[in-house]
N, C-alpha and C. Protein backbone atom coordinates (compact mmCIF):
# COMPACT_ATOMS: atom_id res chain seq x y z
N MET A 1 51.47 -58.20 37.95
CA MET A 1 52.48 -57.97 37.06
C MET A 1 53.37 -57.96 37.13
N ASP A 2 54.61 -59.12 36.50
CA ASP A 2 55.85 -58.56 36.39
C ASP A 2 56.36 -58.03 35.26
N ILE A 3 57.31 -56.78 35.02
CA ILE A 3 57.84 -56.51 34.11
C ILE A 3 59.15 -56.73 33.90
N PRO A 4 59.97 -57.39 32.70
CA PRO A 4 61.00 -58.09 33.35
C PRO A 4 61.81 -56.95 32.34
N VAL A 5 63.05 -57.66 33.43
CA VAL A 5 64.38 -56.80 33.31
C VAL A 5 64.55 -55.97 31.76
N ALA A 6 64.77 -57.63 30.84
CA ALA A 6 64.97 -57.36 29.65
C ALA A 6 64.42 -56.04 29.09
N GLY A 7 62.82 -56.63 29.00
CA GLY A 7 61.97 -55.69 27.70
C GLY A 7 62.48 -53.46 28.34
N LEU A 8 62.37 -53.41 29.90
CA LEU A 8 62.62 -52.14 30.35
C LEU A 8 63.87 -51.99 29.71
N ILE A 9 64.75 -52.70 29.16
CA ILE A 9 66.39 -52.06 28.53
C ILE A 9 65.71 -52.17 27.13
N GLY A 10 65.15 -52.63 26.77
CA GLY A 10 65.07 -52.79 25.54
C GLY A 10 63.89 -52.01 25.06
N ALA A 11 62.93 -51.23 26.10
CA ALA A 11 62.04 -50.02 25.68
C ALA A 11 62.86 -49.11 25.85
N ALA A 12 63.91 -49.07 26.99
CA ALA A 12 65.15 -47.45 27.37
C ALA A 12 65.80 -47.14 26.30
N ILE A 13 66.33 -48.40 25.46
CA ILE A 13 66.95 -48.47 24.12
C ILE A 13 66.04 -47.90 22.87
N GLY A 14 65.05 -48.48 22.48
CA GLY A 14 63.89 -47.57 21.72
C GLY A 14 63.73 -46.51 21.91
N LEU A 15 63.49 -46.05 22.92
CA LEU A 15 62.99 -44.82 23.35
C LEU A 15 64.42 -43.79 22.92
N TYR A 16 66.17 -44.03 23.66
CA TYR A 16 66.96 -43.81 22.97
C TYR A 16 67.06 -43.43 21.40
N ILE A 17 66.57 -44.50 20.85
CA ILE A 17 66.77 -44.69 18.87
C ILE A 17 66.27 -43.88 18.30
N GLY A 18 64.34 -44.08 19.02
CA GLY A 18 63.72 -43.24 18.66
C GLY A 18 63.92 -41.69 18.95
N TRP A 19 64.02 -41.27 19.81
CA TRP A 19 64.35 -39.85 20.04
C TRP A 19 65.04 -39.50 18.72
N LEU A 20 66.58 -40.09 18.35
CA LEU A 20 67.17 -39.34 17.32
C LEU A 20 66.74 -39.27 16.27
N ASP A 21 65.70 -40.77 16.16
CA ASP A 21 64.71 -40.56 14.54
C ASP A 21 64.46 -39.00 14.96
N TYR A 22 63.56 -39.43 16.17
CA TYR A 22 62.84 -37.78 16.01
C TYR A 22 63.71 -36.33 15.42
N GLY A 23 65.01 -36.51 16.15
CA GLY A 23 65.33 -35.07 15.88
C GLY A 23 65.76 -35.02 14.30
N ILE A 24 66.32 -36.55 14.02
CA ILE A 24 66.66 -36.34 11.92
C ILE A 24 65.19 -36.04 11.36
N ALA A 25 64.25 -36.60 11.77
CA ALA A 25 62.77 -36.27 11.01
C ALA A 25 62.06 -34.83 11.16
N ASN A 26 62.78 -34.50 12.28
CA ASN A 26 62.13 -32.89 12.68
C ASN A 26 63.03 -32.39 11.66
N GLY A 27 64.27 -32.15 11.73
CA GLY A 27 65.15 -31.33 11.57
C GLY A 27 64.72 -31.49 9.74
N LEU A 28 63.83 -32.72 8.85
CA LEU A 28 64.57 -32.95 7.92
C LEU A 28 62.80 -32.44 7.45
N LEU A 29 61.25 -32.02 7.65
CA LEU A 29 60.97 -31.34 8.23
C LEU A 29 60.62 -29.95 7.66
N SER A 30 61.63 -29.71 9.21
CA SER A 30 61.60 -28.41 9.19
C SER A 30 62.24 -27.86 7.80
N ALA A 31 63.02 -28.65 6.95
CA ALA A 31 63.56 -27.88 6.07
C ALA A 31 63.14 -28.23 4.85
N LEU A 32 61.79 -29.34 4.34
CA LEU A 32 61.18 -29.29 3.85
C LEU A 32 59.96 -28.20 3.74
N VAL A 33 59.23 -28.48 5.02
CA VAL A 33 58.28 -26.84 5.51
C VAL A 33 59.38 -25.58 4.75
N GLU A 34 60.12 -25.44 4.86
CA GLU A 34 61.16 -24.03 4.84
C GLU A 34 61.10 -23.97 3.06
N LYS A 35 61.30 -24.98 2.43
CA LYS A 35 61.72 -25.21 1.07
C LYS A 35 60.81 -24.95 0.29
N GLN A 36 58.94 -25.41 1.11
CA GLN A 36 57.80 -25.25 0.20
C GLN A 36 57.10 -23.87 0.52
N ARG A 37 57.84 -23.57 1.39
CA ARG A 37 56.93 -21.99 1.61
C ARG A 37 57.66 -21.33 0.48
N ARG A 38 58.88 -21.17 0.69
CA ARG A 38 59.51 -20.16 -0.20
C ARG A 38 59.47 -20.80 -1.91
N LYS A 39 58.40 -21.79 -2.25
CA LYS A 39 57.95 -21.84 -3.76
C LYS A 39 56.73 -21.48 -3.37
N GLY A 40 55.93 -20.81 -2.45
CA GLY A 40 54.63 -20.41 -2.53
C GLY A 40 53.32 -21.63 -2.13
N GLY A 41 53.98 -22.63 -1.14
CA GLY A 41 52.96 -23.45 -0.59
C GLY A 41 53.44 -24.95 -0.88
N GLY A 42 52.60 -26.16 -0.23
CA GLY A 42 52.44 -27.23 -0.97
C GLY A 42 51.87 -28.28 0.43
N PHE A 43 52.09 -29.22 0.03
CA PHE A 43 51.67 -30.52 0.95
C PHE A 43 52.04 -30.09 2.36
N ALA A 44 53.13 -30.46 2.34
CA ALA A 44 53.85 -30.12 3.84
C ALA A 44 53.56 -28.50 4.97
N THR A 45 53.39 -28.08 3.84
CA THR A 45 52.97 -26.05 4.56
C THR A 45 51.95 -26.42 5.19
N ARG A 46 50.74 -26.91 4.18
CA ARG A 46 49.36 -26.94 4.51
C ARG A 46 49.27 -27.76 6.48
N PHE A 47 49.79 -29.31 6.26
CA PHE A 47 49.66 -29.72 7.15
C PHE A 47 50.38 -30.02 8.31
N GLU A 48 51.41 -29.28 8.10
CA GLU A 48 53.14 -28.90 9.06
C GLU A 48 51.92 -29.55 10.61
N PRO A 49 51.46 -29.11 11.36
CA PRO A 49 51.02 -29.35 13.06
C PRO A 49 50.70 -30.77 12.89
N ALA A 50 50.22 -31.22 12.16
CA ALA A 50 49.42 -33.01 11.88
C ALA A 50 50.74 -33.47 11.71
N LEU A 51 51.76 -33.19 10.88
CA LEU A 51 53.01 -34.02 10.30
C LEU A 51 53.60 -33.72 11.47
N ARG A 52 53.79 -33.05 12.31
CA ARG A 52 54.69 -32.92 13.44
C ARG A 52 54.51 -33.40 14.49
N LYS A 53 53.12 -33.49 14.98
CA LYS A 53 52.40 -34.49 16.12
C LYS A 53 53.13 -35.92 15.53
N LEU A 54 52.94 -36.38 13.88
CA LEU A 54 52.96 -37.55 13.70
C LEU A 54 54.20 -37.76 13.74
N VAL A 55 55.30 -37.11 13.48
CA VAL A 55 56.91 -37.39 13.31
C VAL A 55 57.24 -37.36 14.71
N PHE A 56 56.61 -37.02 15.92
CA PHE A 56 57.00 -37.13 17.00
C PHE A 56 55.73 -38.38 17.64
N ILE A 57 55.22 -38.49 17.73
CA ILE A 57 54.45 -39.96 18.07
C ILE A 57 54.80 -41.26 17.62
N LEU A 58 54.84 -41.02 16.18
CA LEU A 58 55.93 -42.27 15.73
C LEU A 58 56.82 -42.87 16.25
N PRO A 59 57.92 -42.44 16.05
CA PRO A 59 59.14 -42.67 16.50
C PRO A 59 59.15 -42.83 18.43
N VAL A 60 58.64 -41.93 19.11
CA VAL A 60 59.34 -41.51 20.26
C VAL A 60 58.18 -42.76 20.85
N PHE A 61 57.21 -43.20 20.88
CA PHE A 61 56.41 -44.49 21.24
C PHE A 61 56.46 -45.53 20.37
N GLY A 62 56.24 -45.28 19.29
CA GLY A 62 56.49 -47.06 18.54
C GLY A 62 58.30 -47.32 18.60
N PHE A 63 59.32 -46.82 18.59
CA PHE A 63 60.30 -47.40 18.75
C PHE A 63 60.81 -48.07 20.34
N PRO A 64 60.20 -47.87 21.32
CA PRO A 64 60.22 -47.91 22.55
C PRO A 64 59.00 -49.63 22.83
N VAL A 65 58.18 -49.92 21.92
CA VAL A 65 57.43 -51.13 21.92
C VAL A 65 57.99 -51.96 21.20
N ILE A 66 58.74 -51.39 19.74
CA ILE A 66 59.46 -52.62 19.42
C ILE A 66 60.35 -53.17 20.50
N GLY A 67 61.32 -51.84 20.97
CA GLY A 67 62.61 -52.42 21.55
C GLY A 67 61.90 -53.35 22.47
N TYR A 68 60.93 -52.89 23.76
CA TYR A 68 60.33 -53.84 24.24
C TYR A 68 60.34 -55.13 23.54
N LEU A 69 59.78 -55.37 22.56
CA LEU A 69 59.35 -57.23 22.12
C LEU A 69 60.38 -57.90 21.81
N ALA A 70 61.04 -56.89 20.94
CA ALA A 70 62.37 -57.37 20.72
C ALA A 70 63.22 -58.09 21.66
N ALA A 71 63.26 -57.51 23.02
CA ALA A 71 64.00 -58.18 23.62
C ALA A 71 63.31 -58.92 24.92
N GLN A 72 61.78 -59.08 24.61
CA GLN A 72 61.00 -59.84 25.28
C GLN A 72 61.24 -61.51 23.90
N GLN A 73 61.68 -61.39 22.64
CA GLN A 73 61.66 -62.62 22.15
C GLN A 73 63.15 -63.10 21.99
N LEU A 74 63.73 -62.51 22.29
CA LEU A 74 65.93 -62.59 22.38
C LEU A 74 65.78 -62.86 23.88
N VAL A 75 65.25 -62.37 25.16
CA VAL A 75 65.36 -63.30 26.20
C VAL A 75 64.69 -64.79 26.24
N GLY A 76 63.21 -64.36 25.51
CA GLY A 76 62.61 -65.67 25.50
C GLY A 76 61.05 -65.44 26.68
């Protein structure tokens, strides 16, 4: 099975963008959890571990797949 170079480049760019998005989303989630803890709890504080996993998995694994597919469509 041959993996095209364009797909690898697209996946690498997608991974970079996903990592940046993870950093932003993780910071926003941390701020939200801290704010809700000060107010006495809420949705984000109850489901913080699951939300942290979701915030990591979606961008870090999703963006490379999207980048790979987009590069494949652009190149042909």
